[in-house]
Amino acid sequence: MGSAPTLTCSLCACAKALMKLNEAEVLRNSLEKKANVIARFEEATFFSLKGEVCWRMGHVKLAKKMLREALSLLGRQFPRTSMGAFVKS
């Protein structure tokens, strides 16, 4: 029974993190394309972080989408099978 408050706090923290990441995404998308100074690595880091937060909240499909985007920005592919993930690690 002692782990319930921790789980609730963890979900609350993830919800807050996701809210802040969504705000950051709105700001990032509002920048003009020619004035955009966000490097590819920084953008990949943003998508990776958002994917991790989504994963912890149980949004697996959205997490995969974010992680695929991060990897594509870095010129990498998401493993299609668990065997592929094992081989790449």
PDB file of N, CA and C in Angstrom:
ATOM      1  N   MET A   1       0.800  -1.202   0.000  1.00  0.00           N
ATOM      2  CA  MET A   1       0.000   0.000   0.000  1.00  0.00           C
ATOM      3  C   MET A   1       0.840   1.261   0.000  1.00  0.00           C
ATOM      4  N   GLY A   2       2.064   1.165   0.447  1.00  0.00           N
ATOM      5  CA  GLY A   2       2.914   2.331   0.544  1.00  0.00           C
ATOM      6  C   GLY A   2       3.363   2.885  -0.791  1.00  0.00           C
ATOM      7  N   SER A   3       3.232   2.096  -1.871  1.00  0.00           N
ATOM      8  CA  SER A   3       3.723   2.558  -3.168  1.00  0.00           C
ATOM      9  C   SER A   3       2.690   3.379  -3.934  1.00  0.00           C
ATOM     10  N   ALA A   4       1.437   3.400  -3.493  1.00  0.00           N
ATOM     11  CA  ALA A   4       0.396   4.130  -4.211  1.00  0.00           C
ATOM     12  C   ALA A   4       0.673   5.623  -4.289  1.00  0.00           C
ATOM     13  N   PRO A   5       1.051   6.313  -3.194  1.00  0.00           N
ATOM     14  CA  PRO A   5       1.341   7.751  -3.306  1.00  0.00           C
ATOM     15  C   PRO A   5       2.513   8.031  -4.239  1.00  0.00           C
ATOM     16  N   THR A   6       3.515   7.150  -4.243  1.00  0.00           N
ATOM     17  CA  THR A   6       4.657   7.345  -5.124  1.00  0.00           C
ATOM     18  C   THR A   6       4.234   7.230  -6.581  1.00  0.00           C
ATOM     19  N   LEU A   7       3.376   6.246  -6.879  1.00  0.00           N
ATOM     20  CA  LEU A   7       2.886   6.064  -8.241  1.00  0.00           C
ATOM     21  C   LEU A   7       2.090   7.285  -8.675  1.00  0.00           C
ATOM     22  N   THR A   8       1.244   7.797  -7.791  1.00  0.00           N
ATOM     23  CA  THR A   8       0.445   8.978  -8.105  1.00  0.00           C
ATOM     24  C   THR A   8       1.338  10.189  -8.346  1.00  0.00           C
ATOM     25  N   CYS A   9       2.338  10.362  -7.508  1.00  0.00           N
ATOM     26  CA  CYS A   9       3.263  11.487  -7.678  1.00  0.00           C
ATOM     27  C   CYS A   9       4.042  11.349  -8.977  1.00  0.00           C
ATOM     28  N   SER A  10       4.409  10.135  -9.327  1.00  0.00           N
ATOM     29  CA  SER A  10       5.141   9.893 -10.564  1.00  0.00           C
ATOM     30  C   SER A  10       4.290  10.247 -11.780  1.00  0.00           C
ATOM     31  N   LEU A  11       3.016   9.829 -11.762  1.00  0.00           N
ATOM     32  CA  LEU A  11       2.123  10.166 -12.866  1.00  0.00           C
ATOM     33  C   LEU A  11       1.868  11.663 -12.929  1.00  0.00           C
ATOM     34  N   CYS A  12       1.760  12.292 -11.767  1.00  0.00           N
ATOM     35  CA  CYS A  12       1.563  13.737 -11.711  1.00  0.00           C
ATOM     36  C   CYS A  12       2.770  14.466 -12.301  1.00  0.00           C
ATOM     37  N   ALA A  13       3.967  14.004 -11.951  1.00  0.00           N
ATOM     38  CA  ALA A  13       5.181  14.617 -12.482  1.00  0.00           C
ATOM     39  C   ALA A  13       5.277  14.414 -13.985  1.00  0.00           C
ATOM     40  N   CYS A  14       4.891  13.228 -14.462  1.00  0.00           N
ATOM     41  CA  CYS A  14       4.922  12.971 -15.905  1.00  0.00           C
ATOM     42  C   CYS A  14       3.909  13.840 -16.639  1.00  0.00           C
ATOM     43  N   ALA A  15       2.744  14.020 -16.032  1.00  0.00           N
ATOM     44  CA  ALA A  15       1.725  14.871 -16.651  1.00  0.00           C
ATOM     45  C   ALA A  15       2.218  16.313 -16.748  1.00  0.00           C
ATOM     46  N   LYS A  16       2.874  16.798 -15.689  1.00  0.00           N
ATOM     47  CA  LYS A  16       3.428  18.149 -15.714  1.00  0.00           C
ATOM     48  C   LYS A  16       4.531  18.262 -16.760  1.00  0.00           C
ATOM     49  N   ALA A  17       5.378  17.240 -16.836  1.00  0.00           N
ATOM     50  CA  ALA A  17       6.463  17.248 -17.820  1.00  0.00           C
ATOM     51  C   ALA A  17       5.899  17.261 -19.234  1.00  0.00           C
ATOM     52  N   LEU A  18       4.864  16.451 -19.477  1.00  0.00           N
ATOM     53  CA  LEU A  18       4.255  16.409 -20.806  1.00  0.00           C
ATOM     54  C   LEU A  18       3.622  17.756 -21.151  1.00  0.00           C
ATOM     55  N   MET A  19       2.989  18.400 -20.166  1.00  0.00           N
ATOM     56  CA  MET A  19       2.389  19.712 -20.394  1.00  0.00           C
ATOM     57  C   MET A  19       3.455  20.731 -20.800  1.00  0.00           C
ATOM     58  N   LYS A  20       4.582  20.726 -20.084  1.00  0.00           N
ATOM     59  CA  LYS A  20       5.671  21.655 -20.403  1.00  0.00           C
ATOM     60  C   LYS A  20       6.293  21.349 -21.764  1.00  0.00           C
ATOM     61  N   LEU A  21       6.408  20.060 -22.095  1.00  0.00           N
ATOM     62  CA  LEU A  21       6.955  19.684 -23.405  1.00  0.00           C
ATOM     63  C   LEU A  21       6.012  20.117 -24.525  1.00  0.00           C
ATOM     64  N   ASN A  22       4.709  20.020 -24.294  1.00  0.00           N
ATOM     65  CA  ASN A  22       3.743  20.479 -25.299  1.00  0.00           C
ATOM     66  C   ASN A  22       3.832  21.995 -25.477  1.00  0.00           C
ATOM     67  N   GLU A  23       4.029  22.726 -24.376  1.00  0.00           N
ATOM     68  CA  GLU A  23       4.217  24.178 -24.473  1.00  0.00           C
ATOM     69  C   GLU A  23       5.483  24.494 -25.261  1.00  0.00           C
ATOM     70  N   ALA A  24       6.544  23.746 -25.003  1.00  0.00           N
ATOM     71  CA  ALA A  24       7.797  23.957 -25.727  1.00  0.00           C
ATOM     72  C   ALA A  24       7.628  23.654 -27.205  1.00  0.00           C
ATOM     73  N   GLU A  25       6.820  22.645 -27.514  1.00  0.00           N
ATOM     74  CA  GLU A  25       6.590  22.302 -28.920  1.00  0.00           C
ATOM     75  C   GLU A  25       5.836  23.408 -29.644  1.00  0.00           C
ATOM     76  N   VAL A  26       4.876  24.014 -28.969  1.00  0.00           N
ATOM     77  CA  VAL A  26       4.144  25.135 -29.559  1.00  0.00           C
ATOM     78  C   VAL A  26       5.097  26.287 -29.840  1.00  0.00           C
ATOM     79  N   LEU A  27       5.961  26.598 -28.888  1.00  0.00           N
ATOM     80  CA  LEU A  27       6.946  27.668 -29.090  1.00  0.00           C
ATOM     81  C   LEU A  27       7.915  27.325 -30.218  1.00  0.00           C
ATOM     82  N   ARG A  28       8.351  26.070 -30.256  1.00  0.00           N
ATOM     83  CA  ARG A  28       9.288  25.632 -31.294  1.00  0.00           C
ATOM     84  C   ARG A  28       8.648  25.727 -32.682  1.00  0.00           C
ATOM     85  N   ASN A  29       7.375  25.356 -32.773  1.00  0.00           N
ATOM     86  CA  ASN A  29       6.673  25.410 -34.053  1.00  0.00           C
ATOM     87  C   ASN A  29       6.332  26.836 -34.477  1.00  0.00           C
ATOM     88  N   SER A  30       6.305  27.756 -33.523  1.00  0.00           N
ATOM     89  CA  SER A  30       5.953  29.138 -33.855  1.00  0.00           C
ATOM     90  C   SER A  30       7.133  29.913 -34.447  1.00  0.00           C
ATOM     91  N   LEU A  31       8.332  29.381 -34.311  1.00  0.00           N
ATOM     92  CA  LEU A  31       9.498  30.051 -34.875  1.00  0.00           C
ATOM     93  C   LEU A  31       9.453  29.998 -36.396  1.00  0.00           C
ATOM     94  N   GLU A  32       9.898  31.066 -37.014  1.00  0.00           N
ATOM     95  CA  GLU A  32       9.986  31.074 -38.472  1.00  0.00           C
ATOM     96  C   GLU A  32      11.056  30.086 -38.890  1.00  0.00           C
ATOM     97  N   LYS A  33      10.818  29.421 -40.003  1.00  0.00           N
ATOM     98  CA  LYS A  33      11.752  28.384 -40.447  1.00  0.00           C
ATOM     99  C   LYS A  33      13.151  28.942 -40.696  1.00  0.00           C
ATOM    100  N   LYS A  34      13.269  30.138 -41.290  1.00  0.00           N
ATOM    101  CA  LYS A  34      14.607  30.672 -41.553  1.00  0.00           C
ATOM    102  C   LYS A  34      15.263  31.239 -40.293  1.00  0.00           C
ATOM    103  N   ALA A  35      14.451  31.569 -39.258  1.00  0.00           N
ATOM    104  CA  ALA A  35      15.009  32.097 -38.018  1.00  0.00           C
ATOM    105  C   ALA A  35      15.210  30.987 -36.981  1.00  0.00           C
ATOM    106  N   ASN A  36      14.867  29.774 -37.354  1.00  0.00           N
ATOM    107  CA  ASN A  36      14.958  28.652 -36.438  1.00  0.00           C
ATOM    108  C   ASN A  36      16.422  28.269 -36.222  1.00  0.00           C
ATOM    109  N   VAL A  37      16.896  28.409 -35.004  1.00  0.00           N
ATOM    110  CA  VAL A  37      18.295  28.128 -34.695  1.00  0.00           C
ATOM    111  C   VAL A  37      18.465  26.824 -33.921  1.00  0.00           C
ATOM    112  N   ILE A  38      17.373  26.049 -33.789  1.00  0.00           N
ATOM    113  CA  ILE A  38      17.458  24.791 -33.062  1.00  0.00           C
ATOM    114  C   ILE A  38      18.203  23.774 -33.924  1.00  0.00           C
ATOM    115  N   ALA A  39      19.282  23.266 -33.397  1.00  0.00           N
ATOM    116  CA  ALA A  39      20.083  22.294 -34.126  1.00  0.00           C
ATOM    117  C   ALA A  39      19.346  20.960 -34.198  1.00  0.00           C
ATOM    118  N   ARG A  40      19.729  20.149 -35.164  1.00  0.00           N
ATOM    119  CA  ARG A  40      19.101  18.849 -35.367  1.00  0.00           C
ATOM    120  C   ARG A  40      19.224  17.973 -34.118  1.00  0.00           C
ATOM    121  N   PHE A  41      20.386  18.004 -33.471  1.00  0.00           N
ATOM    122  CA  PHE A  41      20.584  17.204 -32.260  1.00  0.00           C
ATOM    123  C   PHE A  41      19.658  17.655 -31.138  1.00  0.00           C
ATOM    124  N   GLU A  42      19.495  18.967 -30.987  1.00  0.00           N
ATOM    125  CA  GLU A  42      18.616  19.491 -29.947  1.00  0.00           C
ATOM    126  C   GLU A  42      17.166  19.098 -30.215  1.00  0.00           C
ATOM    127  N   GLU A  43      16.772  19.128 -31.477  1.00  0.00           N
ATOM    128  CA  GLU A  43      15.417  18.740 -31.837  1.00  0.00           C
ATOM    129  C   GLU A  43      15.215  17.247 -31.583  1.00  0.00           C
ATOM    130  N   ALA A  44      16.217  16.440 -31.908  1.00  0.00           N
ATOM    131  CA  ALA A  44      16.141  15.004 -31.641  1.00  0.00           C
ATOM    132  C   ALA A  44      16.055  14.745 -30.139  1.00  0.00           C
ATOM    133  N   THR A  45      16.790  15.509 -29.346  1.00  0.00           N
ATOM    134  CA  THR A  45      16.741  15.370 -27.891  1.00  0.00           C
ATOM    135  C   THR A  45      15.350  15.708 -27.374  1.00  0.00           C
ATOM    136  N   PHE A  46      14.727  16.730 -27.930  1.00  0.00           N
ATOM    137  CA  PHE A  46      13.370  17.117 -27.547  1.00  0.00           C
ATOM    138  C   PHE A  46      12.400  15.967 -27.806  1.00  0.00           C
ATOM    139  N   PHE A  47      12.453  15.388 -29.012  1.00  0.00           N
ATOM    140  CA  PHE A  47      11.551  14.286 -29.346  1.00  0.00           C
ATOM    141  C   PHE A  47      11.834  13.055 -28.486  1.00  0.00           C
ATOM    142  N   SER A  48      13.084  12.805 -28.181  1.00  0.00           N
ATOM    143  CA  SER A  48      13.454  11.675 -27.336  1.00  0.00           C
ATOM    144  C   SER A  48      12.894  11.848 -25.927  1.00  0.00           C
ATOM    145  N   LEU A  49      13.034  13.037 -25.375  1.00  0.00           N
ATOM    146  CA  LEU A  49      12.519  13.321 -24.041  1.00  0.00           C
ATOM    147  C   LEU A  49      11.001  13.191 -24.004  1.00  0.00           C
ATOM    148  N   LYS A  50      10.345  13.725 -25.018  1.00  0.00           N
ATOM    149  CA  LYS A  50       8.891  13.628 -25.074  1.00  0.00           C
ATOM    150  C   LYS A  50       8.457  12.167 -25.210  1.00  0.00           C
ATOM    151  N   GLY A  51       9.210  11.386 -25.983  1.00  0.00           N
ATOM    152  CA  GLY A  51       8.909   9.964 -26.116  1.00  0.00           C
ATOM    153  C   GLY A  51       9.047   9.223 -24.804  1.00  0.00           C
ATOM    154  N   GLU A  52      10.083   9.553 -24.038  1.00  0.00           N
ATOM    155  CA  GLU A  52      10.287   8.904 -22.745  1.00  0.00           C
ATOM    156  C   GLU A  52       9.159   9.245 -21.771  1.00  0.00           C
ATOM    157  N   VAL A  53       8.734  10.501 -21.748  1.00  0.00           N
ATOM    158  CA  VAL A  53       7.634  10.908 -20.868  1.00  0.00           C
ATOM    159  C   VAL A  53       6.341  10.207 -21.283  1.00  0.00           C
ATOM    160  N   CYS A  54       6.082  10.141 -22.573  1.00  0.00           N
ATOM    161  CA  CYS A  54       4.876   9.458 -23.060  1.00  0.00           C
ATOM    162  C   CYS A  54       4.908   7.982 -22.690  1.00  0.00           C
ATOM    163  N   TRP A  55       6.076   7.360 -22.801  1.00  0.00           N
ATOM    164  CA  TRP A  55       6.231   5.946 -22.456  1.00  0.00           C
ATOM    165  C   TRP A  55       5.894   5.731 -20.980  1.00  0.00           C
ATOM    166  N   ARG A  56       6.423   6.590 -20.108  1.00  0.00           N
ATOM    167  CA  ARG A  56       6.178   6.451 -18.673  1.00  0.00           C
ATOM    168  C   ARG A  56       4.706   6.674 -18.319  1.00  0.00           C
ATOM    169  N   MET A  57       4.005   7.444 -19.147  1.00  0.00           N
ATOM    170  CA  MET A  57       2.583   7.683 -18.897  1.00  0.00           C
ATOM    171  C   MET A  57       1.705   6.598 -19.511  1.00  0.00           C
ATOM    172  N   GLY A  58       2.314   5.691 -20.271  1.00  0.00           N
ATOM    173  CA  GLY A  58       1.546   4.597 -20.869  1.00  0.00           C
ATOM    174  C   GLY A  58       1.062   4.871 -22.281  1.00  0.00           C
ATOM    175  N   HIS A  59       1.497   5.966 -22.888  1.00  0.00           N
ATOM    176  CA  HIS A  59       1.115   6.307 -24.260  1.00  0.00           C
ATOM    177  C   HIS A  59       2.151   5.704 -25.212  1.00  0.00           C
ATOM    178  N   VAL A  60       2.070   4.383 -25.399  1.00  0.00           N
ATOM    179  CA  VAL A  60       3.102   3.649 -26.119  1.00  0.00           C
ATOM    180  C   VAL A  60       3.177   4.056 -27.589  1.00  0.00           C
ATOM    181  N   LYS A  61       2.028   4.183 -28.256  1.00  0.00           N
ATOM    182  CA  LYS A  61       2.041   4.546 -29.675  1.00  0.00           C
ATOM    183  C   LYS A  61       2.655   5.925 -29.904  1.00  0.00           C
ATOM    184  N   LEU A  62       2.285   6.884 -29.065  1.00  0.00           N
ATOM    185  CA  LEU A  62       2.847   8.230 -29.184  1.00  0.00           C
ATOM    186  C   LEU A  62       4.340   8.219 -28.865  1.00  0.00           C
ATOM    187  N   ALA A  63       4.725   7.412 -27.882  1.00  0.00           N
ATOM    188  CA  ALA A  63       6.142   7.304 -27.521  1.00  0.00           C
ATOM    189  C   ALA A  63       6.948   6.760 -28.691  1.00  0.00           C
ATOM    190  N   LYS A  64       6.441   5.719 -29.345  1.00  0.00           N
ATOM    191  CA  LYS A  64       7.143   5.155 -30.514  1.00  0.00           C
ATOM    192  C   LYS A  64       7.264   6.191 -31.624  1.00  0.00           C
ATOM    193  N   LYS A  65       6.198   6.966 -31.828  1.00  0.00           N
ATOM    194  CA  LYS A  65       6.217   7.997 -32.869  1.00  0.00           C
ATOM    195  C   LYS A  65       7.298   9.043 -32.569  1.00  0.00           C
ATOM    196  N   MET A  66       7.348   9.488 -31.316  1.00  0.00           N
ATOM    197  CA  MET A  66       8.346  10.490 -30.927  1.00  0.00           C
ATOM    198  C   MET A  66       9.767   9.937 -31.046  1.00  0.00           C
ATOM    199  N   LEU A  67       9.970   8.695 -30.608  1.00  0.00           N
ATOM    200  CA  LEU A  67      11.304   8.102 -30.673  1.00  0.00           C
ATOM    201  C   LEU A  67      11.734   7.857 -32.120  1.00  0.00           C
ATOM    202  N   ARG A  68      10.785   7.464 -32.969  1.00  0.00           N
ATOM    203  CA  ARG A  68      11.109   7.301 -34.402  1.00  0.00           C
ATOM    204  C   ARG A  68      11.543   8.634 -35.010  1.00  0.00           C
ATOM    205  N   GLU A  69      10.847   9.695 -34.645  1.00  0.00           N
ATOM    206  CA  GLU A  69      11.188  11.026 -35.154  1.00  0.00           C
ATOM    207  C   GLU A  69      12.585  11.433 -34.693  1.00  0.00           C
ATOM    208  N   ALA A  70      12.877  11.176 -33.419  1.00  0.00           N
ATOM    209  CA  ALA A  70      14.203  11.515 -32.883  1.00  0.00           C
ATOM    210  C   ALA A  70      15.286  10.740 -33.620  1.00  0.00           C
ATOM    211  N   LEU A  71      15.065   9.456 -33.818  1.00  0.00           N
ATOM    212  CA  LEU A  71      16.061   8.640 -34.505  1.00  0.00           C
ATOM    213  C   LEU A  71      16.217   9.042 -35.971  1.00  0.00           C
ATOM    214  N   SER A  72      15.117   9.406 -36.615  1.00  0.00           N
ATOM    215  CA  SER A  72      15.221   9.806 -38.027  1.00  0.00           C
ATOM    216  C   SER A  72      16.005  11.111 -38.175  1.00  0.00           C
ATOM    217  N   LEU A  73      15.866  12.006 -37.204  1.00  0.00           N
ATOM    218  CA  LEU A  73      16.647  13.245 -37.242  1.00  0.00           C
ATOM    219  C   LEU A  73      18.144  12.965 -37.104  1.00  0.00           C
ATOM    220  N   LEU A  74      18.461  11.871 -36.421  1.00  0.00           N
ATOM    221  CA  LEU A  74      19.862  11.490 -36.231  1.00  0.00           C
ATOM    222  C   LEU A  74      20.340  10.505 -37.298  1.00  0.00           C
ATOM    223  N   GLY A  75      19.480  10.212 -38.269  1.00  0.00           N
ATOM    224  CA  GLY A  75      19.854   9.309 -39.352  1.00  0.00           C
ATOM    225  C   GLY A  75      19.888   7.845 -38.928  1.00  0.00           C
ATOM    226  N   ARG A  76      19.100   7.491 -37.940  1.00  0.00           N
ATOM    227  CA  ARG A  76      19.025   6.109 -37.445  1.00  0.00           C
ATOM    228  C   ARG A  76      17.614   5.581 -37.649  1.00  0.00           C
ATOM    229  N   GLN A  77      17.471   4.243 -37.599  1.00  0.00           N
ATOM    230  CA  GLN A  77      16.157   3.641 -37.730  1.00  0.00           C
ATOM    231  C   GLN A  77      15.744   2.976 -36.432  1.00  0.00           C
ATOM    232  N   PHE A  78      14.439   2.964 -36.197  1.00  0.00           N
ATOM    233  CA  PHE A  78      13.866   2.293 -35.037  1.00  0.00           C
ATOM    234  C   PHE A  78      13.845   0.796 -35.337  1.00  0.00           C
ATOM    235  N   PRO A  79      14.313  -0.062 -34.420  1.00  0.00           N
ATOM    236  CA  PRO A  79      14.276  -1.504 -34.680  1.00  0.00           C
ATOM    237  C   PRO A  79      12.837  -1.981 -34.863  1.00  0.00           C
ATOM    238  N   ARG A  80      12.608  -2.807 -35.868  1.00  0.00           N
ATOM    239  CA  ARG A  80      11.246  -3.270 -36.154  1.00  0.00           C
ATOM    240  C   ARG A  80      10.835  -4.470 -35.307  1.00  0.00           C
ATOM    241  N   THR A  81      11.803  -5.227 -34.829  1.00  0.00           N
ATOM    242  CA  THR A  81      11.501  -6.399 -34.015  1.00  0.00           C
ATOM    243  C   THR A  81      12.320  -6.372 -32.743  1.00  0.00           C
ATOM    244  N   SER A  82      11.935  -7.203 -31.782  1.00  0.00           N
ATOM    245  CA  SER A  82      12.720  -7.279 -30.547  1.00  0.00           C
ATOM    246  C   SER A  82      14.102  -7.850 -30.825  1.00  0.00           C
ATOM    247  N   MET A  83      14.206  -8.753 -31.810  1.00  0.00           N
ATOM    248  CA  MET A  83      15.512  -9.302 -32.187  1.00  0.00           C
ATOM    249  C   MET A  83      16.391  -8.188 -32.772  1.00  0.00           C
ATOM    250  N   GLY A  84      15.804  -7.325 -33.569  1.00  0.00           N
ATOM    251  CA  GLY A  84      16.547  -6.197 -34.125  1.00  0.00           C
ATOM    252  C   GLY A  84      17.044  -5.272 -33.031  1.00  0.00           C
ATOM    253  N   ALA A  85      16.232  -5.065 -32.016  1.00  0.00           N
ATOM    254  CA  ALA A  85      16.645  -4.221 -30.880  1.00  0.00           C
ATOM    255  C   ALA A  85      17.788  -4.866 -30.132  1.00  0.00           C
ATOM    256  N   PHE A  86      17.747  -6.184 -29.974  1.00  0.00           N
ATOM    257  CA  PHE A  86      18.805  -6.895 -29.275  1.00  0.00           C
ATOM    258  C   PHE A  86      20.118  -6.821 -30.057  1.00  0.00           C
ATOM    259  N   VAL A  87      20.035  -6.993 -31.373  1.00  0.00           N
ATOM    260  CA  VAL A  87      21.235  -6.956 -32.218  1.00  0.00           C
ATOM    261  C   VAL A  87      21.861  -5.574 -32.215  1.00  0.00           C
ATOM    262  N   LYS A  88      21.033  -4.523 -32.236  1.00  0.00           N
ATOM    263  CA  LYS A  88      21.565  -3.151 -32.270  1.00  0.00           C
ATOM    264  C   LYS A  88      22.174  -2.716 -30.956  1.00  0.00           C
ATOM    265  N   SER A  89      21.800  -3.362 -29.852  1.00  0.00           N
ATOM    266  CA  SER A  89      22.318  -2.925 -28.549  1.00  0.00           C
ATOM    267  C   SER A  89      23.653  -3.519 -28.228  1.00  0.00           C
TER     268      SER A  89
END
